[in-house]
């Protein structure tokens, strides 16, 4: 979940979303265990982007206390035949733009 815990509205939020290793803390940036190792296993998303051509909540500033809904596609980091994998992921804010 993304939440604006500051006291200013945001016009843009950029997130890197990444799988976590089994310890639940270590980011898993590059796949090293699948049949084709070396694939990136993270993605960027912009859940707040005021200058977008898309409609809806994404194009409005994120007010203090706001928690926008969003989705992101992550490249699969594990072989599909391994059904015992529990997926955990984290979002890391990589850029912000405050409203004027």
PDB file of N, CA and C in Angstrom:
ATOM      1  N   UNK A   1       0.839  -1.171   0.000  1.00  0.00           N
ATOM      2  CA  UNK A   1       0.000   0.000   0.000  1.00  0.00           C
ATOM      3  C   UNK A   1       0.885   1.234   0.000  1.00  0.00           C
ATOM      4  N   UNK A   2       0.487   2.207  -0.767  1.00  0.00           N
ATOM      5  CA  UNK A   2       1.159   3.496  -0.822  1.00  0.00           C
ATOM      6  C   UNK A   2       0.336   4.486  -0.015  1.00  0.00           C
ATOM      7  N   UNK A   3       0.999   5.266   0.831  1.00  0.00           N
ATOM      8  CA  UNK A   3       0.297   6.276   1.621  1.00  0.00           C
ATOM      9  C   UNK A   3       1.133   7.541   1.694  1.00  0.00           C
ATOM     10  N   UNK A   4       0.502   8.678   1.455  1.00  0.00           N
ATOM     11  CA  UNK A   4       1.174   9.966   1.596  1.00  0.00           C
ATOM     12  C   UNK A   4       1.119  10.350   3.064  1.00  0.00           C
ATOM     13  N   UNK A   5       2.210  10.148   3.778  1.00  0.00           N
ATOM     14  CA  UNK A   5       2.259  10.459   5.201  1.00  0.00           C
ATOM     15  C   UNK A   5       2.813  11.853   5.468  1.00  0.00           C
ATOM     16  N   UNK A   6       3.058  12.613   4.397  1.00  0.00           N
ATOM     17  CA  UNK A   6       3.554  13.979   4.549  1.00  0.00           C
ATOM     18  C   UNK A   6       2.426  14.980   4.723  1.00  0.00           C
ATOM     19  N   UNK A   7       2.790  16.253   4.701  1.00  0.00           N
ATOM     20  CA  UNK A   7       1.797  17.319   4.865  1.00  0.00           C
ATOM     21  C   UNK A   7       1.594  18.123   3.586  1.00  0.00           C
ATOM     22  N   UNK A   8       2.142  17.642   2.468  1.00  0.00           N
ATOM     23  CA  UNK A   8       1.984  18.308   1.173  1.00  0.00           C
ATOM     24  C   UNK A   8       1.427  17.323   0.160  1.00  0.00           C
ATOM     25  N   UNK A   9       0.634  17.848  -0.784  1.00  0.00           N
ATOM     26  CA  UNK A   9       0.120  16.997  -1.868  1.00  0.00           C
ATOM     27  C   UNK A   9       1.245  16.661  -2.841  1.00  0.00           C
ATOM     28  N   UNK A  10       1.108  15.516  -3.512  1.00  0.00           N
ATOM     29  CA  UNK A  10       2.099  15.048  -4.471  1.00  0.00           C
ATOM     30  C   UNK A  10       1.495  15.001  -5.862  1.00  0.00           C
ATOM     31  N   UNK A  11       2.241  15.492  -6.860  1.00  0.00           N
ATOM     32  CA  UNK A  11       1.825  15.417  -8.259  1.00  0.00           C
ATOM     33  C   UNK A  11       2.360  14.175  -8.954  1.00  0.00           C
ATOM     34  N   UNK A  12       3.440  13.621  -8.427  1.00  0.00           N
ATOM     35  CA  UNK A  12       4.037  12.453  -9.066  1.00  0.00           C
ATOM     36  C   UNK A  12       4.698  11.574  -8.021  1.00  0.00           C
ATOM     37  N   UNK A  13       4.460  10.276  -8.121  1.00  0.00           N
ATOM     38  CA  UNK A  13       5.137   9.279  -7.293  1.00  0.00           C
ATOM     39  C   UNK A  13       5.621   8.174  -8.228  1.00  0.00           C
ATOM     40  N   UNK A  14       6.901   7.881  -8.157  1.00  0.00           N
ATOM     41  CA  UNK A  14       7.493   6.791  -8.937  1.00  0.00           C
ATOM     42  C   UNK A  14       7.944   5.710  -7.959  1.00  0.00           C
ATOM     43  N   UNK A  15       7.545   4.473  -8.236  1.00  0.00           N
ATOM     44  CA  UNK A  15       7.917   3.352  -7.374  1.00  0.00           C
ATOM     45  C   UNK A  15       8.667   2.291  -8.158  1.00  0.00           C
ATOM     46  N   UNK A  16       9.651   1.690  -7.534  1.00  0.00           N
ATOM     47  CA  UNK A  16      10.237   0.443  -7.995  1.00  0.00           C
ATOM     48  C   UNK A  16       9.589  -0.641  -7.153  1.00  0.00           C
ATOM     49  N   UNK A  17       9.001  -1.636  -7.786  1.00  0.00           N
ATOM     50  CA  UNK A  17       8.390  -2.746  -7.069  1.00  0.00           C
ATOM     51  C   UNK A  17       9.226  -3.983  -7.363  1.00  0.00           C
ATOM     52  N   UNK A  18       9.594  -4.691  -6.303  1.00  0.00           N
ATOM     53  CA  UNK A  18      10.530  -5.807  -6.433  1.00  0.00           C
ATOM     54  C   UNK A  18      10.075  -6.968  -5.543  1.00  0.00           C
ATOM     55  N   UNK A  19      10.344  -8.184  -5.991  1.00  0.00           N
ATOM     56  CA  UNK A  19      10.117  -9.352  -5.146  1.00  0.00           C
ATOM     57  C   UNK A  19      11.104  -9.320  -3.988  1.00  0.00           C
ATOM     58  N   UNK A  20      10.740  -9.999  -2.902  1.00  0.00           N
ATOM     59  CA  UNK A  20      11.643 -10.152  -1.767  1.00  0.00           C
ATOM     60  C   UNK A  20      12.111 -11.598  -1.675  1.00  0.00           C
ATOM     61  N   UNK A  21      13.334 -11.773  -1.200  1.00  0.00           N
ATOM     62  CA  UNK A  21      13.861 -13.112  -0.971  1.00  0.00           C
ATOM     63  C   UNK A  21      13.069 -13.780   0.165  1.00  0.00           C
ATOM     64  N   UNK A  22      13.366 -15.038   0.445  1.00  0.00           N
ATOM     65  CA  UNK A  22      12.646 -15.808   1.466  1.00  0.00           C
ATOM     66  C   UNK A  22      12.728 -15.166   2.850  1.00  0.00           C
ATOM     67  N   UNK A  23      13.767 -14.356   3.113  1.00  0.00           N
ATOM     68  CA  UNK A  23      13.876 -13.710   4.426  1.00  0.00           C
ATOM     69  C   UNK A  23      12.872 -12.563   4.605  1.00  0.00           C
ATOM     70  N   UNK A  24      12.189 -12.183   3.517  1.00  0.00           N
ATOM     71  CA  UNK A  24      11.191 -11.122   3.585  1.00  0.00           C
ATOM     72  C   UNK A  24      11.762  -9.729   3.662  1.00  0.00           C
ATOM     73  N   UNK A  25      13.083  -9.578   3.520  1.00  0.00           N
ATOM     74  CA  UNK A  25      13.736  -8.269   3.642  1.00  0.00           C
ATOM     75  C   UNK A  25      14.614  -7.912   2.442  1.00  0.00           C
ATOM     76  N   UNK A  26      15.285  -8.896   1.888  1.00  0.00           N
ATOM     77  CA  UNK A  26      16.266  -8.666   0.836  1.00  0.00           C
ATOM     78  C   UNK A  26      15.587  -8.575  -0.528  1.00  0.00           C
ATOM     79  N   UNK A  27      15.775  -7.458  -1.256  1.00  0.00           N
ATOM     80  CA  UNK A  27      15.189  -7.346  -2.598  1.00  0.00           C
ATOM     81  C   UNK A  27      15.791  -8.372  -3.555  1.00  0.00           C
ATOM     82  N   UNK A  28      14.958  -8.888  -4.436  1.00  0.00           N
ATOM     83  CA  UNK A  28      15.352  -9.889  -5.439  1.00  0.00           C
ATOM     84  C   UNK A  28      15.291  -9.201  -6.807  1.00  0.00           C
ATOM     85  N   UNK A  29      16.338  -8.452  -7.169  1.00  0.00           N
ATOM     86  CA  UNK A  29      16.346  -7.604  -8.370  1.00  0.00           C
ATOM     87  C   UNK A  29      16.481  -8.399  -9.662  1.00  0.00           C
ATOM     88  N   UNK A  30      17.302  -9.440  -9.644  1.00  0.00           N
ATOM     89  CA  UNK A  30      17.585 -10.205 -10.855  1.00  0.00           C
ATOM     90  C   UNK A  30      17.386 -11.684 -10.573  1.00  0.00           C
ATOM     91  N   UNK A  31      16.651 -12.341 -11.450  1.00  0.00           N
ATOM     92  CA  UNK A  31      16.372 -13.761 -11.303  1.00  0.00           C
ATOM     93  C   UNK A  31      17.640 -14.561 -11.549  1.00  0.00           C
ATOM     94  N   UNK A  32      17.971 -15.447 -10.628  1.00  0.00           N
ATOM     95  CA  UNK A  32      19.157 -16.266 -10.796  1.00  0.00           C
ATOM     96  C   UNK A  32      18.869 -17.751 -10.683  1.00  0.00           C
ATOM     97  N   UNK A  33      17.582 -18.111 -10.428  1.00  0.00           N
ATOM     98  CA  UNK A  33      17.274 -19.514 -10.185  1.00  0.00           C
ATOM     99  C   UNK A  33      16.435 -20.158 -11.289  1.00  0.00           C
ATOM    100  N   UNK A  34      15.827 -19.392 -12.148  1.00  0.00           N
ATOM    101  CA  UNK A  34      14.935 -19.948 -13.164  1.00  0.00           C
ATOM    102  C   UNK A  34      15.734 -20.560 -14.319  1.00  0.00           C
ATOM    103  N   UNK A  35      15.011 -21.165 -15.252  1.00  0.00           N
ATOM    104  CA  UNK A  35      15.639 -21.796 -16.412  1.00  0.00           C
ATOM    105  C   UNK A  35      16.459 -20.792 -17.222  1.00  0.00           C
ATOM    106  N   UNK A  36      15.986 -19.559 -17.308  1.00  0.00           N
ATOM    107  CA  UNK A  36      16.697 -18.496 -18.017  1.00  0.00           C
ATOM    108  C   UNK A  36      17.132 -17.441 -17.015  1.00  0.00           C
ATOM    109  N   UNK A  37      18.241 -17.660 -16.300  1.00  0.00           N
ATOM    110  CA  UNK A  37      18.663 -16.699 -15.278  1.00  0.00           C
ATOM    111  C   UNK A  37      19.085 -15.361 -15.881  1.00  0.00           C
ATOM    112  N   UNK A  38      19.051 -14.339 -15.058  1.00  0.00           N
ATOM    113  CA  UNK A  38      19.494 -13.021 -15.473  1.00  0.00           C
ATOM    114  C   UNK A  38      18.372 -12.065 -15.814  1.00  0.00           C
ATOM    115  N   UNK A  39      17.120 -12.543 -15.810  1.00  0.00           N
ATOM    116  CA  UNK A  39      15.998 -11.664 -16.117  1.00  0.00           C
ATOM    117  C   UNK A  39      15.754 -10.703 -14.954  1.00  0.00           C
ATOM    118  N   UNK A  40      15.400  -9.479 -15.288  1.00  0.00           N
ATOM    119  CA  UNK A  40      15.021  -8.519 -14.254  1.00  0.00           C
ATOM    120  C   UNK A  40      13.750  -9.007 -13.581  1.00  0.00           C
ATOM    121  N   UNK A  41      13.652  -8.813 -12.280  1.00  0.00           N
ATOM    122  CA  UNK A  41      12.461  -9.245 -11.547  1.00  0.00           C
ATOM    123  C   UNK A  41      11.884  -8.083 -10.746  1.00  0.00           C
ATOM    124  N   UNK A  42      11.919  -6.895 -11.351  1.00  0.00           N
ATOM    125  CA  UNK A  42      11.328  -5.712 -10.735  1.00  0.00           C
ATOM    126  C   UNK A  42      10.633  -4.909 -11.820  1.00  0.00           C
ATOM    127  N   UNK A  43       9.871  -3.919 -11.410  1.00  0.00           N
ATOM    128  CA  UNK A  43       9.190  -3.060 -12.369  1.00  0.00           C
ATOM    129  C   UNK A  43       8.999  -1.681 -11.763  1.00  0.00           C
ATOM    130  N   UNK A  44       8.862  -0.689 -12.613  1.00  0.00           N
ATOM    131  CA  UNK A  44       8.542   0.667 -12.161  1.00  0.00           C
ATOM    132  C   UNK A  44       7.072   0.937 -12.417  1.00  0.00           C
ATOM    133  N   UNK A  45       6.484   1.751 -11.568  1.00  0.00           N
ATOM    134  CA  UNK A  45       5.101   2.167 -11.751  1.00  0.00           C
ATOM    135  C   UNK A  45       4.934   3.593 -11.246  1.00  0.00           C
ATOM    136  N   UNK A  46       3.953   4.266 -11.781  1.00  0.00           N
ATOM    137  CA  UNK A  46       3.640   5.639 -11.398  1.00  0.00           C
ATOM    138  C   UNK A  46       2.185   5.681 -10.941  1.00  0.00           C
ATOM    139  N   UNK A  47       1.911   5.386  -9.668  1.00  0.00           N
ATOM    140  CA  UNK A  47       0.523   5.392  -9.185  1.00  0.00           C
ATOM    141  C   UNK A  47      -0.063   6.790  -9.048  1.00  0.00           C
ATOM    142  N   UNK A  48       0.784   7.808  -9.069  1.00  0.00           N
ATOM    143  CA  UNK A  48       0.339   9.198  -9.062  1.00  0.00           C
ATOM    144  C   UNK A  48       1.111   9.900 -10.169  1.00  0.00           C
ATOM    145  N   UNK A  49       0.405  10.406 -11.169  1.00  0.00           N
ATOM    146  CA  UNK A  49       1.054  11.057 -12.298  1.00  0.00           C
ATOM    147  C   UNK A  49       0.075  12.077 -12.864  1.00  0.00           C
ATOM    148  N   UNK A  50       0.117  13.294 -12.314  1.00  0.00           N
ATOM    149  CA  UNK A  50      -0.866  14.321 -12.648  1.00  0.00           C
ATOM    150  C   UNK A  50      -0.859  14.673 -14.134  1.00  0.00           C
ATOM    151  N   UNK A  51       0.290  14.613 -14.787  1.00  0.00           N
ATOM    152  CA  UNK A  51       0.382  14.996 -16.202  1.00  0.00           C
ATOM    153  C   UNK A  51       0.101  13.839 -17.152  1.00  0.00           C
ATOM    154  N   UNK A  52      -0.595  12.816 -16.707  1.00  0.00           N
ATOM    155  CA  UNK A  52      -0.880  11.663 -17.546  1.00  0.00           C
ATOM    156  C   UNK A  52      -2.070  11.921 -18.467  1.00  0.00           C
ATOM    157  N   UNK A  53      -2.121  11.174 -19.553  1.00  0.00           N
ATOM    158  CA  UNK A  53      -3.278  11.234 -20.446  1.00  0.00           C
ATOM    159  C   UNK A  53      -4.367  10.271 -19.980  1.00  0.00           C
ATOM    160  N   UNK A  54      -4.020   9.406 -19.025  1.00  0.00           N
ATOM    161  CA  UNK A  54      -4.997   8.468 -18.478  1.00  0.00           C
ATOM    162  C   UNK A  54      -5.959   9.198 -17.550  1.00  0.00           C
ATOM    163  N   UNK A  55      -7.166   8.751 -17.486  1.00  0.00           N
ATOM    164  CA  UNK A  55      -8.129   9.358 -16.590  1.00  0.00           C
ATOM    165  C   UNK A  55      -8.111   8.690 -15.228  1.00  0.00           C
ATOM    166  N   UNK A  56      -9.010   9.119 -14.378  1.00  0.00           N
ATOM    167  CA  UNK A  56      -9.172   8.490 -13.077  1.00  0.00           C
ATOM    168  C   UNK A  56      -8.262   9.051 -12.011  1.00  0.00           C
ATOM    169  N   UNK A  57      -8.170   8.291 -10.914  1.00  0.00           N
ATOM    170  CA  UNK A  57      -7.451   8.739  -9.723  1.00  0.00           C
ATOM    171  C   UNK A  57      -5.965   9.004  -9.975  1.00  0.00           C
ATOM    172  N   UNK A  58      -5.353   8.299 -10.930  1.00  0.00           N
ATOM    173  CA  UNK A  58      -3.923   8.474 -11.193  1.00  0.00           C
ATOM    174  C   UNK A  58      -3.584   9.918 -11.582  1.00  0.00           C
ATOM    175  N   UNK A  59      -4.518  10.617 -12.200  1.00  0.00           N
ATOM    176  CA  UNK A  59      -4.260  11.970 -12.683  1.00  0.00           C
ATOM    177  C   UNK A  59      -4.596  13.078 -11.701  1.00  0.00           C
ATOM    178  N   UNK A  60      -4.872  12.732 -10.451  1.00  0.00           N
ATOM    179  CA  UNK A  60      -5.163  13.747  -9.444  1.00  0.00           C
ATOM    180  C   UNK A  60      -4.061  13.746  -8.395  1.00  0.00           C
ATOM    181  N   UNK A  61      -3.758  14.906  -7.814  1.00  0.00           N
ATOM    182  CA  UNK A  61      -2.721  14.947  -6.776  1.00  0.00           C
ATOM    183  C   UNK A  61      -3.066  14.022  -5.610  1.00  0.00           C
ATOM    184  N   UNK A  62      -2.035  13.459  -5.017  1.00  0.00           N
ATOM    185  CA  UNK A  62      -2.209  12.608  -3.839  1.00  0.00           C
ATOM    186  C   UNK A  62      -2.146  13.488  -2.603  1.00  0.00           C
ATOM    187  N   UNK A  63      -3.271  13.667  -1.977  1.00  0.00           N
ATOM    188  CA  UNK A  63      -3.366  14.539  -0.802  1.00  0.00           C
ATOM    189  C   UNK A  63      -2.757  13.862   0.425  1.00  0.00           C
ATOM    190  N   UNK A  64      -2.354  14.646   1.426  1.00  0.00           N
ATOM    191  CA  UNK A  64      -1.830  14.057   2.659  1.00  0.00           C
ATOM    192  C   UNK A  64      -2.819  13.041   3.235  1.00  0.00           C
ATOM    193  N   UNK A  65      -2.319  11.886   3.618  1.00  0.00           N
ATOM    194  CA  UNK A  65      -3.148  10.812   4.145  1.00  0.00           C
ATOM    195  C   UNK A  65      -3.759   9.935   3.073  1.00  0.00           C
ATOM    196  N   UNK A  66      -3.607  10.318   1.799  1.00  0.00           N
ATOM    197  CA  UNK A  66      -4.203   9.565   0.695  1.00  0.00           C
ATOM    198  C   UNK A  66      -3.533   8.222   0.473  1.00  0.00           C
ATOM    199  N   UNK A  67      -4.322   7.251   0.033  1.00  0.00           N
ATOM    200  CA  UNK A  67      -3.829   5.908  -0.261  1.00  0.00           C
ATOM    201  C   UNK A  67      -4.441   5.429  -1.574  1.00  0.00           C
ATOM    202  N   UNK A  68      -3.824   5.755  -2.708  1.00  0.00           N
ATOM    203  CA  UNK A  68      -4.406   5.379  -3.996  1.00  0.00           C
ATOM    204  C   UNK A  68      -4.287   3.882  -4.279  1.00  0.00           C
ATOM    205  N   UNK A  69      -5.263   3.365  -4.976  1.00  0.00           N
ATOM    206  CA  UNK A  69      -5.182   1.986  -5.447  1.00  0.00           C
ATOM    207  C   UNK A  69      -4.380   1.970  -6.742  1.00  0.00           C
ATOM    208  N   UNK A  70      -3.568   0.947  -6.944  1.00  0.00           N
ATOM    209  CA  UNK A  70      -2.810   0.830  -8.188  1.00  0.00           C
ATOM    210  C   UNK A  70      -2.416  -0.624  -8.385  1.00  0.00           C
ATOM    211  N   UNK A  71      -2.015  -0.938  -9.601  1.00  0.00           N
ATOM    212  CA  UNK A  71      -1.511  -2.276  -9.896  1.00  0.00           C
ATOM    213  C   UNK A  71      -0.223  -2.143 -10.691  1.00  0.00           C
ATOM    214  N   UNK A  72       0.555  -3.193 -10.687  1.00  0.00           N
ATOM    215  CA  UNK A  72       1.810  -3.206 -11.419  1.00  0.00           C
ATOM    216  C   UNK A  72       2.070  -4.633 -11.890  1.00  0.00           C
ATOM    217  N   UNK A  73       2.617  -4.774 -13.086  1.00  0.00           N
ATOM    218  CA  UNK A  73       3.007  -6.082 -13.602  1.00  0.00           C
ATOM    219  C   UNK A  73       4.474  -6.318 -13.265  1.00  0.00           C
ATOM    220  N   UNK A  74       4.741  -7.441 -12.603  1.00  0.00           N
ATOM    221  CA  UNK A  74       6.116  -7.814 -12.279  1.00  0.00           C
ATOM    222  C   UNK A  74       6.523  -9.015 -13.116  1.00  0.00           C
ATOM    223  N   UNK A  75       7.722  -8.991 -13.705  1.00  0.00           N
ATOM    224  CA  UNK A  75       8.189 -10.180 -14.425  1.00  0.00           C
ATOM    225  C   UNK A  75       8.277 -11.352 -13.454  1.00  0.00           C
ATOM    226  N   UNK A  76       7.800 -12.512 -13.865  1.00  0.00           N
ATOM    227  CA  UNK A  76       7.828 -13.677 -12.993  1.00  0.00           C
ATOM    228  C   UNK A  76       9.269 -14.058 -12.705  1.00  0.00           C
ATOM    229  N   UNK A  77       9.575 -14.241 -11.447  1.00  0.00           N
ATOM    230  CA  UNK A  77      10.944 -14.477 -11.038  1.00  0.00           C
ATOM    231  C   UNK A  77      11.260 -15.944 -10.792  1.00  0.00           C
ATOM    232  N   UNK A  78      10.283 -16.795 -10.870  1.00  0.00           N
ATOM    233  CA  UNK A  78      10.482 -18.194 -10.551  1.00  0.00           C
ATOM    234  C   UNK A  78       9.877 -19.056 -11.650  1.00  0.00           C
ATOM    235  N   UNK A  79      10.366 -20.271 -11.796  1.00  0.00           N
ATOM    236  CA  UNK A  79       9.807 -21.183 -12.782  1.00  0.00           C
ATOM    237  C   UNK A  79       8.363 -21.520 -12.404  1.00  0.00           C
ATOM    238  N   UNK A  80       7.499 -21.590 -13.397  1.00  0.00           N
ATOM    239  CA  UNK A  80       6.087 -21.839 -13.151  1.00  0.00           C
ATOM    240  C   UNK A  80       5.797 -23.214 -12.566  1.00  0.00           C
ATOM    241  N   UNK A  81       6.669 -24.189 -12.784  1.00  0.00           N
ATOM    242  CA  UNK A  81       6.408 -25.531 -12.266  1.00  0.00           C
ATOM    243  C   UNK A  81       6.689 -25.660 -10.768  1.00  0.00           C
ATOM    244  N   UNK A  82       7.225 -24.609 -10.146  1.00  0.00           N
ATOM    245  CA  UNK A  82       7.474 -24.605  -8.712  1.00  0.00           C
ATOM    246  C   UNK A  82       6.265 -23.994  -8.012  1.00  0.00           C
ATOM    247  N   UNK A  83       5.358 -24.843  -7.538  1.00  0.00           N
ATOM    248  CA  UNK A  83       4.128 -24.372  -6.915  1.00  0.00           C
ATOM    249  C   UNK A  83       4.282 -24.024  -5.444  1.00  0.00           C
ATOM    250  N   UNK A  84       5.462 -24.213  -4.870  1.00  0.00           N
ATOM    251  CA  UNK A  84       5.672 -23.972  -3.447  1.00  0.00           C
ATOM    252  C   UNK A  84       6.180 -22.557  -3.154  1.00  0.00           C
ATOM    253  N   UNK A  85       6.207 -21.684  -4.141  1.00  0.00           N
ATOM    254  CA  UNK A  85       6.748 -20.344  -3.964  1.00  0.00           C
ATOM    255  C   UNK A  85       5.676 -19.416  -3.399  1.00  0.00           C
ATOM    256  N   UNK A  86       6.016 -18.739  -2.314  1.00  0.00           N
ATOM    257  CA  UNK A  86       5.157 -17.680  -1.779  1.00  0.00           C
ATOM    258  C   UNK A  86       5.745 -16.359  -2.227  1.00  0.00           C
ATOM    259  N   UNK A  87       4.939 -15.542  -2.884  1.00  0.00           N
ATOM    260  CA  UNK A  87       5.436 -14.289  -3.419  1.00  0.00           C
ATOM    261  C   UNK A  87       5.279 -13.167  -2.402  1.00  0.00           C
ATOM    262  N   UNK A  88       6.360 -12.494  -2.107  1.00  0.00           N
ATOM    263  CA  UNK A  88       6.353 -11.301  -1.269  1.00  0.00           C
ATOM    264  C   UNK A  88       7.070 -10.225  -2.064  1.00  0.00           C
ATOM    265  N   UNK A  89       6.619  -9.000  -1.950  1.00  0.00           N
ATOM    266  CA  UNK A  89       7.242  -7.926  -2.700  1.00  0.00           C
ATOM    267  C   UNK A  89       7.203  -6.642  -1.889  1.00  0.00           C
ATOM    268  N   UNK A  90       7.985  -5.664  -2.329  1.00  0.00           N
ATOM    269  CA  UNK A  90       8.061  -4.371  -1.655  1.00  0.00           C
ATOM    270  C   UNK A  90       8.129  -3.273  -2.699  1.00  0.00           C
ATOM    271  N   UNK A  91       7.680  -2.105  -2.324  1.00  0.00           N
ATOM    272  CA  UNK A  91       7.780  -0.929  -3.178  1.00  0.00           C
ATOM    273  C   UNK A  91       8.756   0.064  -2.584  1.00  0.00           C
ATOM    274  N   UNK A  92       9.608   0.604  -3.416  1.00  0.00           N
ATOM    275  CA  UNK A  92      10.617   1.567  -2.991  1.00  0.00           C
ATOM    276  C   UNK A  92      10.386   2.854  -3.775  1.00  0.00           C
ATOM    277  N   UNK A  93      10.121   3.953  -3.081  1.00  0.00           N
ATOM    278  CA  UNK A  93       9.895   5.234  -3.754  1.00  0.00           C
ATOM    279  C   UNK A  93      11.218   5.701  -4.345  1.00  0.00           C
ATOM    280  N   UNK A  94      11.216   5.967  -5.653  1.00  0.00           N
ATOM    281  CA  UNK A  94      12.440   6.408  -6.320  1.00  0.00           C
ATOM    282  C   UNK A  94      12.361   7.858  -6.794  1.00  0.00           C
ATOM    283  N   UNK A  95      11.159   8.445  -6.798  1.00  0.00           N
ATOM    284  CA  UNK A  95      11.040   9.849  -7.174  1.00  0.00           C
ATOM    285  C   UNK A  95       9.702  10.402  -6.679  1.00  0.00           C
ATOM    286  N   UNK A  96       9.713  11.681  -6.291  1.00  0.00           N
ATOM    287  CA  UNK A  96       8.511  12.400  -5.864  1.00  0.00           C
ATOM    288  C   UNK A  96       8.513  13.778  -6.499  1.00  0.00           C
ATOM    289  N   UNK A  97       7.329  14.277  -6.801  1.00  0.00           N
ATOM    290  CA  UNK A  97       7.190  15.668  -7.210  1.00  0.00           C
ATOM    291  C   UNK A  97       6.043  16.242  -6.384  1.00  0.00           C
ATOM    292  N   UNK A  98       6.342  17.289  -5.631  1.00  0.00           N
ATOM    293  CA  UNK A  98       5.334  17.921  -4.795  1.00  0.00           C
ATOM    294  C   UNK A  98       4.468  18.861  -5.607  1.00  0.00           C
ATOM    295  N   UNK A  99       3.209  19.006  -5.202  1.00  0.00           N
ATOM    296  CA  UNK A  99       2.306  19.966  -5.843  1.00  0.00           C
ATOM    297  C   UNK A  99       2.744  21.374  -5.467  1.00  0.00           C
ATOM    298  N   UNK A 100       2.447  22.323  -6.341  1.00  0.00           N
ATOM    299  CA  UNK A 100       2.799  23.728  -6.054  1.00  0.00           C
ATOM    300  C   UNK A 100       1.734  24.373  -5.234  1.00  0.00           C
TER     301      UNK A 100
END
